[in-house]
N, C-alpha and C. Protein backbone atom coordinates (compact mmCIF):
# COMPACT_ATOMS: atom_id res chain seq x y z
N MET A 1 166.90 150.07 60.37
CA MET A 1 166.70 150.08 58.59
C MET A 1 165.81 148.46 59.01
N VAL A 2 166.69 147.73 59.89
CA VAL A 2 166.72 146.05 59.50
C VAL A 2 164.92 145.93 60.89
N GLY A 3 164.63 147.08 61.84
CA GLY A 3 163.59 147.33 62.36
C GLY A 3 162.60 147.82 61.10
N ARG A 4 162.97 148.58 60.31
CA ARG A 4 161.87 148.97 59.27
C ARG A 4 161.47 147.35 58.34
N PHE A 5 162.21 147.12 58.20
CA PHE A 5 161.94 145.82 57.43
C PHE A 5 161.57 144.63 57.85
N MET A 6 161.60 144.81 59.29
CA MET A 6 160.60 143.70 59.76
C MET A 6 159.54 143.70 59.99
N CYS A 7 159.57 145.21 60.22
CA CYS A 7 157.56 145.55 60.47
C CYS A 7 157.17 145.84 59.11
N GLN A 8 157.56 145.72 58.00
CA GLN A 8 156.93 145.52 57.04
C GLN A 8 156.39 144.19 56.79
N LEU A 9 157.52 143.49 56.76
CA LEU A 9 157.33 142.25 56.75
C LEU A 9 156.36 141.84 57.61
N THR A 10 156.31 141.98 58.26
CA THR A 10 155.26 141.15 59.94
C THR A 10 153.78 141.94 59.09
N ALA A 11 154.02 143.46 58.62
CA ALA A 11 153.32 143.42 58.50
C ALA A 11 151.88 143.02 57.11
N LEU A 12 152.61 142.38 56.53
CA LEU A 12 152.24 141.69 55.43
C LEU A 12 151.81 140.27 56.05
N LEU A 13 152.24 139.81 56.84
CA LEU A 13 152.05 138.22 57.63
C LEU A 13 150.63 138.15 57.79
N PRO A 14 149.12 138.65 58.34
CA PRO A 14 148.21 138.74 58.61
C PRO A 14 147.43 138.75 56.84
N TRP A 15 147.43 139.65 55.88
CA TRP A 15 147.32 139.47 54.73
C TRP A 15 147.38 137.96 53.98
N LEU A 16 149.03 137.37 53.87
CA LEU A 16 148.64 136.80 53.46
C LEU A 16 148.43 134.55 54.15
N LEU A 17 147.20 134.92 55.07
CA LEU A 17 147.21 134.13 56.13
C LEU A 17 145.25 134.32 55.77
N GLY A 18 145.38 135.24 54.79
CA GLY A 18 143.18 135.74 54.96
C GLY A 18 143.61 136.02 53.51
N PRO A 19 142.18 135.99 53.21
CA PRO A 19 141.65 135.95 51.94
C PRO A 19 142.55 136.61 49.94
N HIS A 20 143.46 137.33 51.01
CA HIS A 20 144.18 138.12 49.86
C HIS A 20 145.76 137.61 49.87
N SER A 21 145.30 136.81 49.85
CA SER A 21 147.24 135.94 50.05
C SER A 21 147.27 135.64 48.30
N SER A 22 146.62 135.96 47.82
CA SER A 22 146.89 135.12 46.21
C SER A 22 147.60 136.43 45.73
N HIS A 23 146.87 137.92 46.43
CA HIS A 23 147.54 139.28 45.75
C HIS A 23 148.67 139.39 46.89
N ILE A 24 148.75 139.37 47.59
CA ILE A 24 149.86 139.37 48.63
C ILE A 24 151.62 139.00 48.62
N GLN A 25 151.04 137.60 47.66
CA GLN A 25 152.47 137.03 47.87
C GLN A 25 153.25 137.32 46.95
N PRO A 26 153.59 137.89 46.10
CA PRO A 26 154.18 138.17 44.61
C PRO A 26 154.99 139.76 45.81
N LEU A 27 153.67 140.79 46.52
CA LEU A 27 154.84 141.88 47.29
C LEU A 27 155.52 140.99 48.49
N TRP A 28 154.92 139.84 49.29
CA TRP A 28 155.86 139.03 50.19
C TRP A 28 156.87 139.02 49.28
N ASP A 29 157.12 138.51 48.81
CA ASP A 29 158.45 137.84 47.57
C ASP A 29 159.34 139.43 47.02
N SER A 30 158.90 139.97 46.76
CA SER A 30 159.91 141.07 46.07
C SER A 30 159.82 142.14 47.27
N THR A 31 159.69 141.98 48.88
CA THR A 31 159.67 142.75 49.67
C THR A 31 161.06 141.18 50.03
N ALA A 32 160.91 140.28 50.62
CA ALA A 32 162.14 139.76 51.09
C ALA A 32 163.05 139.37 50.26
N GLU A 33 163.23 139.33 48.55
CA GLU A 33 164.09 139.94 48.19
C GLU A 33 164.42 141.12 47.72
N LEU A 34 164.26 142.19 48.36
CA LEU A 34 164.89 143.19 48.54
C LEU A 34 165.12 143.13 49.55
N PHE A 35 165.03 142.55 50.75
CA PHE A 35 165.60 142.62 52.24
C PHE A 35 166.79 141.76 51.95
N GLY A 36 167.00 140.89 51.13
CA GLY A 36 168.25 140.13 50.76
C GLY A 36 169.23 140.95 50.14
N SER A 37 168.79 142.00 48.83
CA SER A 37 169.46 143.02 47.95
C SER A 37 170.25 143.74 49.38
N ILE A 38 169.46 144.56 49.81
CA ILE A 38 170.18 145.32 51.09
C ILE A 38 170.77 144.76 52.20
N GLY A 39 170.96 143.28 52.06
CA GLY A 39 171.78 143.08 52.67
C GLY A 39 172.89 143.17 52.64
N ALA A 40 172.70 142.18 51.23
CA ALA A 40 174.06 142.28 50.39
C ALA A 40 175.30 143.30 50.39
N LYS A 41 174.02 144.81 50.41
CA LYS A 41 174.62 145.80 50.68
C LYS A 41 175.53 146.06 51.62
N ARG A 42 174.80 146.06 52.57
CA ARG A 42 175.58 146.31 53.96
C ARG A 42 176.43 145.23 54.48
N ASP A 43 176.61 144.31 53.39
CA ASP A 43 177.92 143.35 53.91
C ASP A 43 178.00 142.34 54.39
N LEU A 44 176.60 142.05 54.26
CA LEU A 44 176.06 140.39 55.44
C LEU A 44 176.70 139.57 54.22
N ALA A 45 176.39 138.21 55.04
CA ALA A 45 176.87 137.08 54.11
C ALA A 45 175.39 136.41 54.37
N ALA A 46 175.47 135.65 53.63
CA ALA A 46 173.37 135.42 53.51
C ALA A 46 173.25 134.17 54.70
N GLY A 47 173.80 133.67 55.48
CA GLY A 47 173.54 133.10 56.94
C GLY A 47 172.97 134.25 57.36
N GLU A 48 173.62 135.33 57.27
CA GLU A 48 173.37 136.55 58.37
C GLU A 48 172.11 137.14 58.31
N ILE A 49 171.63 136.67 57.02
CA ILE A 49 170.38 136.85 55.88
C ILE A 49 169.26 135.49 56.54
N ILE A 50 169.81 135.04 56.50
CA ILE A 50 168.54 133.76 56.57
C ILE A 50 168.68 133.86 58.71
N GLU A 51 169.87 133.95 59.27
CA GLU A 51 169.75 134.06 60.78
C GLU A 51 168.72 135.67 61.25
N GLU A 52 168.24 136.29 60.01
CA GLU A 52 167.38 137.42 60.91
C GLU A 52 166.17 136.89 59.63
N PHE A 53 165.75 136.23 59.25
CA PHE A 53 164.90 135.83 58.74
C PHE A 53 164.18 134.47 60.09
N GLN A 54 164.64 134.00 60.56
CA GLN A 54 164.92 133.46 61.42
C GLN A 54 164.14 133.28 62.63
N ILE A 55 164.75 135.16 62.70
CA ILE A 55 164.32 135.68 64.63
C ILE A 55 163.10 135.97 64.05
N LEU A 56 163.28 137.09 62.84
CA LEU A 56 161.82 137.08 62.84
C LEU A 56 160.29 135.28 63.02
N ARG A 57 160.85 134.76 62.28
CA ARG A 57 159.97 133.38 62.66
C ARG A 57 159.53 133.34 63.74
N TYR A 58 161.20 132.73 64.72
CA TYR A 58 160.93 132.96 66.21
C TYR A 58 159.91 133.95 66.96
N VAL A 59 160.23 135.20 66.60
CA VAL A 59 159.28 136.20 67.51
C VAL A 59 157.85 136.39 66.84
N VAL A 60 157.65 136.19 65.50
CA VAL A 60 155.98 136.07 65.11
C VAL A 60 154.98 134.84 65.82
N ILE A 61 156.31 133.94 66.06
CA ILE A 61 154.97 132.49 66.42
C ILE A 61 155.36 132.60 68.13
N ARG A 62 156.16 132.82 68.82
CA ARG A 62 156.11 133.18 70.27
C ARG A 62 155.36 134.15 70.75
N GLN A 63 155.23 135.22 70.02
CA GLN A 63 154.26 136.64 70.34
C GLN A 63 152.50 135.89 69.87
N LEU A 64 152.80 134.42 68.72
CA LEU A 64 151.18 134.60 68.56
C LEU A 64 150.71 133.82 69.84
N HIS A 65 151.65 133.22 70.23
CA HIS A 65 151.21 131.34 70.91
C HIS A 65 150.85 132.08 72.39
N SER A 66 151.74 132.93 72.85
CA SER A 66 152.11 134.27 74.59
C SER A 66 150.80 134.73 74.49
N ASP A 67 150.62 135.52 73.44
CA ASP A 67 148.97 136.38 73.51
C ASP A 67 148.50 136.60 72.17
N PRO A 68 147.44 134.74 71.66
CA PRO A 68 146.49 135.10 71.00
C PRO A 68 145.77 135.67 71.16
N PRO A 69 146.04 136.67 69.27
CA PRO A 69 144.86 137.20 69.09
C PRO A 69 143.40 137.15 69.66
N ARG A 70 142.37 138.66 69.62
CA ARG A 70 140.85 138.09 70.13
C ARG A 70 140.25 136.78 69.83
N GLU A 71 140.19 136.38 68.63
CA GLU A 71 139.66 135.80 67.75
C GLU A 71 139.58 134.16 68.15
N GLY A 72 140.99 134.25 69.02
CA GLY A 72 141.17 132.80 70.11
C GLY A 72 142.65 131.73 69.37
N PRO A 73 143.15 131.24 70.18
CA PRO A 73 144.25 130.63 69.88
C PRO A 73 144.52 130.38 68.20
N VAL A 74 145.68 130.61 68.03
CA VAL A 74 146.71 130.71 66.81
C VAL A 74 146.35 128.82 66.64
N SER A 75 145.84 128.50 65.62
CA SER A 75 145.88 126.67 65.17
C SER A 75 146.93 126.39 64.24
N LEU A 76 147.39 124.77 64.59
CA LEU A 76 148.34 124.78 64.37
C LEU A 76 148.74 124.34 62.61
N ARG A 77 147.68 124.38 62.33
CA ARG A 77 147.48 124.79 60.57
C ARG A 77 148.12 126.51 60.35
N ASP A 78 147.72 127.34 61.02
CA ASP A 78 148.36 128.35 61.04
C ASP A 78 149.38 128.64 61.19
N THR A 79 149.95 128.04 61.94
CA THR A 79 151.55 128.29 62.49
C THR A 79 152.10 127.73 61.51
N LEU A 80 151.79 126.17 61.06
CA LEU A 80 152.40 125.47 59.69
C LEU A 80 152.41 126.48 58.21
N ARG A 81 151.39 127.69 58.11
CA ARG A 81 151.31 128.33 56.99
C ARG A 81 152.45 129.39 57.12
N LEU A 82 152.66 129.70 58.40
CA LEU A 82 153.39 131.24 58.70
C LEU A 82 154.92 130.18 58.48
N ASN A 83 155.03 129.53 58.99
CA ASN A 83 156.49 128.91 58.38
C ASN A 83 156.29 128.72 57.22
N ARG A 84 156.03 128.28 56.23
CA ARG A 84 155.68 127.82 54.88
C ARG A 84 155.96 129.04 54.22
N ILE A 85 155.22 130.27 55.18
CA ILE A 85 155.45 131.37 53.77
C ILE A 85 156.62 132.44 54.26
N VAL A 86 157.31 132.19 56.45
CA VAL A 86 159.03 132.81 56.20
C VAL A 86 159.63 131.93 55.68
N ASP A 87 159.23 130.21 54.74
CA ASP A 87 160.37 129.94 53.97
C ASP A 87 160.75 130.11 53.09
N ARG A 88 159.58 130.59 52.53
CA ARG A 88 159.80 131.79 51.15
C ARG A 88 160.05 132.72 51.02
N GLY A 89 160.14 133.43 52.38
CA GLY A 89 161.15 134.26 52.16
C GLY A 89 162.29 134.60 52.79
N ILE A 90 162.53 133.17 53.10
CA ILE A 90 164.20 132.89 53.29
C ILE A 90 164.80 132.54 51.90
N VAL A 91 164.29 132.09 50.94
CA VAL A 91 164.42 131.54 49.67
C VAL A 91 164.67 133.10 48.82
N CYS A 92 163.44 133.76 49.21
CA CYS A 92 163.56 135.04 48.42
C CYS A 92 164.37 136.13 48.82
N ALA A 93 164.59 135.94 49.56
CA ALA A 93 166.13 136.66 50.71
C ALA A 93 167.52 136.62 49.77
N SER A 94 167.49 135.30 50.28
CA SER A 94 168.54 134.12 49.43
C SER A 94 168.39 134.58 48.19
N VAL A 95 167.50 134.98 46.93
CA VAL A 95 168.05 134.99 45.80
C VAL A 95 168.60 136.67 45.91
N GLY A 96 167.86 137.54 46.81
CA GLY A 96 167.54 139.00 46.27
C GLY A 96 169.57 139.17 46.79
N HIS A 97 169.96 138.09 47.51
CA HIS A 97 171.27 138.38 48.22
C HIS A 97 172.02 138.29 47.11
N THR A 98 172.07 136.89 46.65
CA THR A 98 172.99 136.31 45.43
C THR A 98 172.89 137.20 43.85
N ASP A 99 171.79 138.21 43.68
CA ASP A 99 171.64 138.58 42.98
C ASP A 99 172.72 140.10 42.78
N ALA A 100 172.43 140.41 43.93
CA ALA A 100 172.94 141.77 44.49
C ALA A 100 174.42 141.62 44.09
N LEU A 101 175.15 140.46 44.91
CA LEU A 101 176.37 140.13 44.87
C LEU A 101 177.35 139.97 43.37
N PHE A 102 176.05 138.85 42.58
CA PHE A 102 176.41 138.83 41.08
C PHE A 102 176.33 140.19 40.47
N PHE A 103 175.71 141.02 40.09
CA PHE A 103 175.50 142.26 39.68
C PHE A 103 176.77 142.82 40.16
N ARG A 104 177.34 143.15 41.35
CA ARG A 104 178.31 144.12 41.98
C ARG A 104 179.49 143.02 41.90
N PHE A 105 179.98 142.07 41.65
CA PHE A 105 180.89 141.79 41.04
C PHE A 105 181.05 141.92 39.49
N PHE A 106 179.74 141.60 38.79
CA PHE A 106 180.46 142.05 37.10
C PHE A 106 180.50 143.54 36.74
N GLU A 107 179.48 144.59 38.00
CA GLU A 107 179.53 145.60 36.98
C GLU A 107 181.11 146.11 36.93
N GLU A 108 180.88 147.21 36.32
CA GLU A 108 181.77 147.81 35.26
C GLU A 108 182.94 148.51 36.81
N GLN A 109 183.83 148.38 37.16
CA GLN A 109 184.55 149.40 38.04
C GLN A 109 185.11 150.59 38.18
N ASP A 110 184.46 151.10 36.48
CA ASP A 110 184.98 152.55 36.73
C ASP A 110 183.62 153.15 37.42
N THR A 111 182.28 152.37 37.27
CA THR A 111 181.40 153.31 37.88
C THR A 111 181.19 152.85 39.14
N PRO A 112 180.65 154.42 39.92
CA PRO A 112 180.87 154.48 41.80
C PRO A 112 179.96 153.65 42.34
N LEU A 113 180.53 152.62 43.22
CA LEU A 113 179.15 151.50 44.24
C LEU A 113 178.64 152.90 44.85
N GLU A 114 177.29 152.51 45.12
CA GLU A 114 176.54 153.26 45.92
C GLU A 114 175.97 152.70 47.27
N ASN A 115 177.52 152.23 47.62
CA ASN A 115 176.49 151.71 49.25
C ASN A 115 177.28 152.37 50.35
N SER A 116 176.84 154.05 50.71
CA SER A 116 177.67 154.54 51.57
C SER A 116 176.43 154.22 52.35
N PRO A 117 176.02 154.08 54.01
CA PRO A 117 175.28 153.72 54.48
C PRO A 117 174.02 155.07 54.61
N GLY A 118 173.87 155.67 54.20
CA GLY A 118 173.06 156.27 54.01
C GLY A 118 172.19 156.50 52.36
N ASP A 119 172.90 156.16 51.33
CA ASP A 119 172.22 155.79 50.24
C ASP A 119 171.51 154.23 50.63
N ILE A 120 171.74 153.44 51.39
CA ILE A 120 171.48 152.08 51.24
C ILE A 120 170.41 152.06 52.15
N VAL A 121 170.53 152.90 52.86
CA VAL A 121 169.29 153.75 54.14
C VAL A 121 168.07 154.16 52.93
N ARG A 122 168.60 155.27 52.31
CA ARG A 122 167.54 155.94 51.02
C ARG A 122 166.91 155.14 50.33
N GLU A 123 167.27 154.49 49.81
CA GLU A 123 166.82 153.28 48.61
C GLU A 123 166.20 151.91 49.63
N ALA A 124 166.14 151.55 50.46
CA ALA A 124 165.70 150.47 51.43
C ALA A 124 164.36 151.33 51.90
N GLU A 125 164.33 152.91 51.85
CA GLU A 125 163.01 153.54 52.77
C GLU A 125 162.20 153.61 51.53
N ALA A 126 163.06 153.93 50.42
CA ALA A 126 161.84 154.49 49.35
C ALA A 126 161.46 152.83 48.62
N GLN A 127 161.70 152.18 48.45
CA GLN A 127 161.63 151.07 47.89
C GLN A 127 161.04 150.62 49.13
N LEU A 128 160.98 150.40 50.39
CA LEU A 128 159.25 149.99 51.68
C LEU A 128 158.50 150.71 51.58
N ALA A 129 158.62 152.18 50.90
CA ALA A 129 157.32 153.21 50.35
C ALA A 129 156.65 152.67 49.63
N LEU A 130 157.07 152.30 48.51
CA LEU A 130 156.69 151.61 47.64
C LEU A 130 155.83 150.10 48.18
N VAL A 131 156.18 149.61 48.27
CA VAL A 131 155.23 148.37 48.98
C VAL A 131 154.34 148.63 49.73
N GLN A 132 154.16 149.90 50.89
CA GLN A 132 153.50 150.02 51.90
C GLN A 132 151.89 151.13 50.25
N GLU A 133 152.57 151.57 49.25
CA GLU A 133 151.63 152.31 48.48
C GLU A 133 151.38 150.74 48.19
N GLU A 134 151.52 149.52 47.26
CA GLU A 134 151.28 148.75 46.67
C GLU A 134 150.60 147.94 47.20
N LEU A 135 150.73 147.88 48.57
CA LEU A 135 149.59 146.68 49.90
C LEU A 135 148.46 147.62 50.07
N ALA A 136 148.00 149.08 50.17
CA ALA A 136 147.11 149.61 50.23
C ALA A 136 146.15 149.09 48.75
N GLN A 137 146.91 149.79 47.84
CA GLN A 137 146.10 149.53 46.15
C GLN A 137 145.53 147.97 46.32
N ILE A 138 146.14 146.77 46.52
CA ILE A 138 145.95 145.35 46.21
C ILE A 138 144.91 145.36 47.47
N VAL A 139 144.75 146.15 48.59
CA VAL A 139 143.53 145.53 49.60
C VAL A 139 142.45 146.79 48.99
N GLU A 140 142.85 147.48 48.69
CA GLU A 140 141.71 148.25 48.27
C GLU A 140 140.96 148.17 47.14
N ILE A 141 141.60 147.26 46.11
CA ILE A 141 140.98 147.02 44.98
C ILE A 141 140.67 145.25 44.75
N THR A 142 140.95 144.79 45.95
CA THR A 142 140.39 143.37 45.74
C THR A 142 138.72 143.00 45.96
N PRO A 143 138.10 141.96 45.63
CA PRO A 143 136.81 142.07 45.25
C PRO A 143 136.16 142.22 46.56
N ALA A 144 135.20 142.16 47.21
CA ALA A 144 134.24 142.95 48.21
C ALA A 144 134.43 141.49 49.08
N GLU A 145 134.15 140.50 48.67
CA GLU A 145 133.72 139.59 49.57
C GLU A 145 135.20 138.79 50.51
N ALA A 146 136.07 139.21 49.49
CA ALA A 146 136.95 139.14 50.18
C ALA A 146 137.33 140.11 51.39
N THR A 147 137.47 141.44 51.21
CA THR A 147 137.76 143.01 52.27
C THR A 147 136.28 142.16 53.37
N SER A 148 135.59 141.66 53.08
CA SER A 148 134.55 141.31 54.04
C SER A 148 135.02 140.70 55.80
N ARG A 149 136.35 139.86 55.22
CA ARG A 149 137.33 139.18 55.89
C ARG A 149 138.12 140.39 56.78
N THR A 150 138.32 140.54 58.01
CA THR A 150 139.93 140.83 58.75
C THR A 150 141.10 139.89 58.96
N PRO A 151 141.83 140.36 58.93
CA PRO A 151 143.11 139.78 58.32
C PRO A 151 143.53 139.31 59.97
N ARG A 152 144.06 137.99 60.48
CA ARG A 152 144.33 138.89 62.20
C ARG A 152 145.23 139.70 62.34
N ASN A 153 145.23 140.19 63.90
CA ASN A 153 146.67 141.10 64.07
C ASN A 153 147.86 139.93 64.85
């Protein structure tokens, strides 16, 4: 499940660096928040959520600099933008984690918690499928001049 989240978050990064960034930013924020929320259901501490995002940052930046895209080496500007995007993801994941803990703490004790590993995985997969659908819709309906530039891989 964590791998699927990382793949989805990584798939959003090129779009955030390209002309679709203003349309994709809310999707990035909600995906990161979902990651934090699911992390709380996995009984992770807030620091563990942040650490997983830091690993994402490290792997992406290291990969970009060791195996640059066809367009050439990644600029310092793009690296700084990636750092800023990941920082925002960390904040959103922390918010999702905190919200999930808050609602778990205050929810009725009579209602059963749906925190079995299978339930958590199903919930995450359903939400990530919605993210993929929304990404496809955003990319499809944005203006033609924005789609003429392809994102970096």
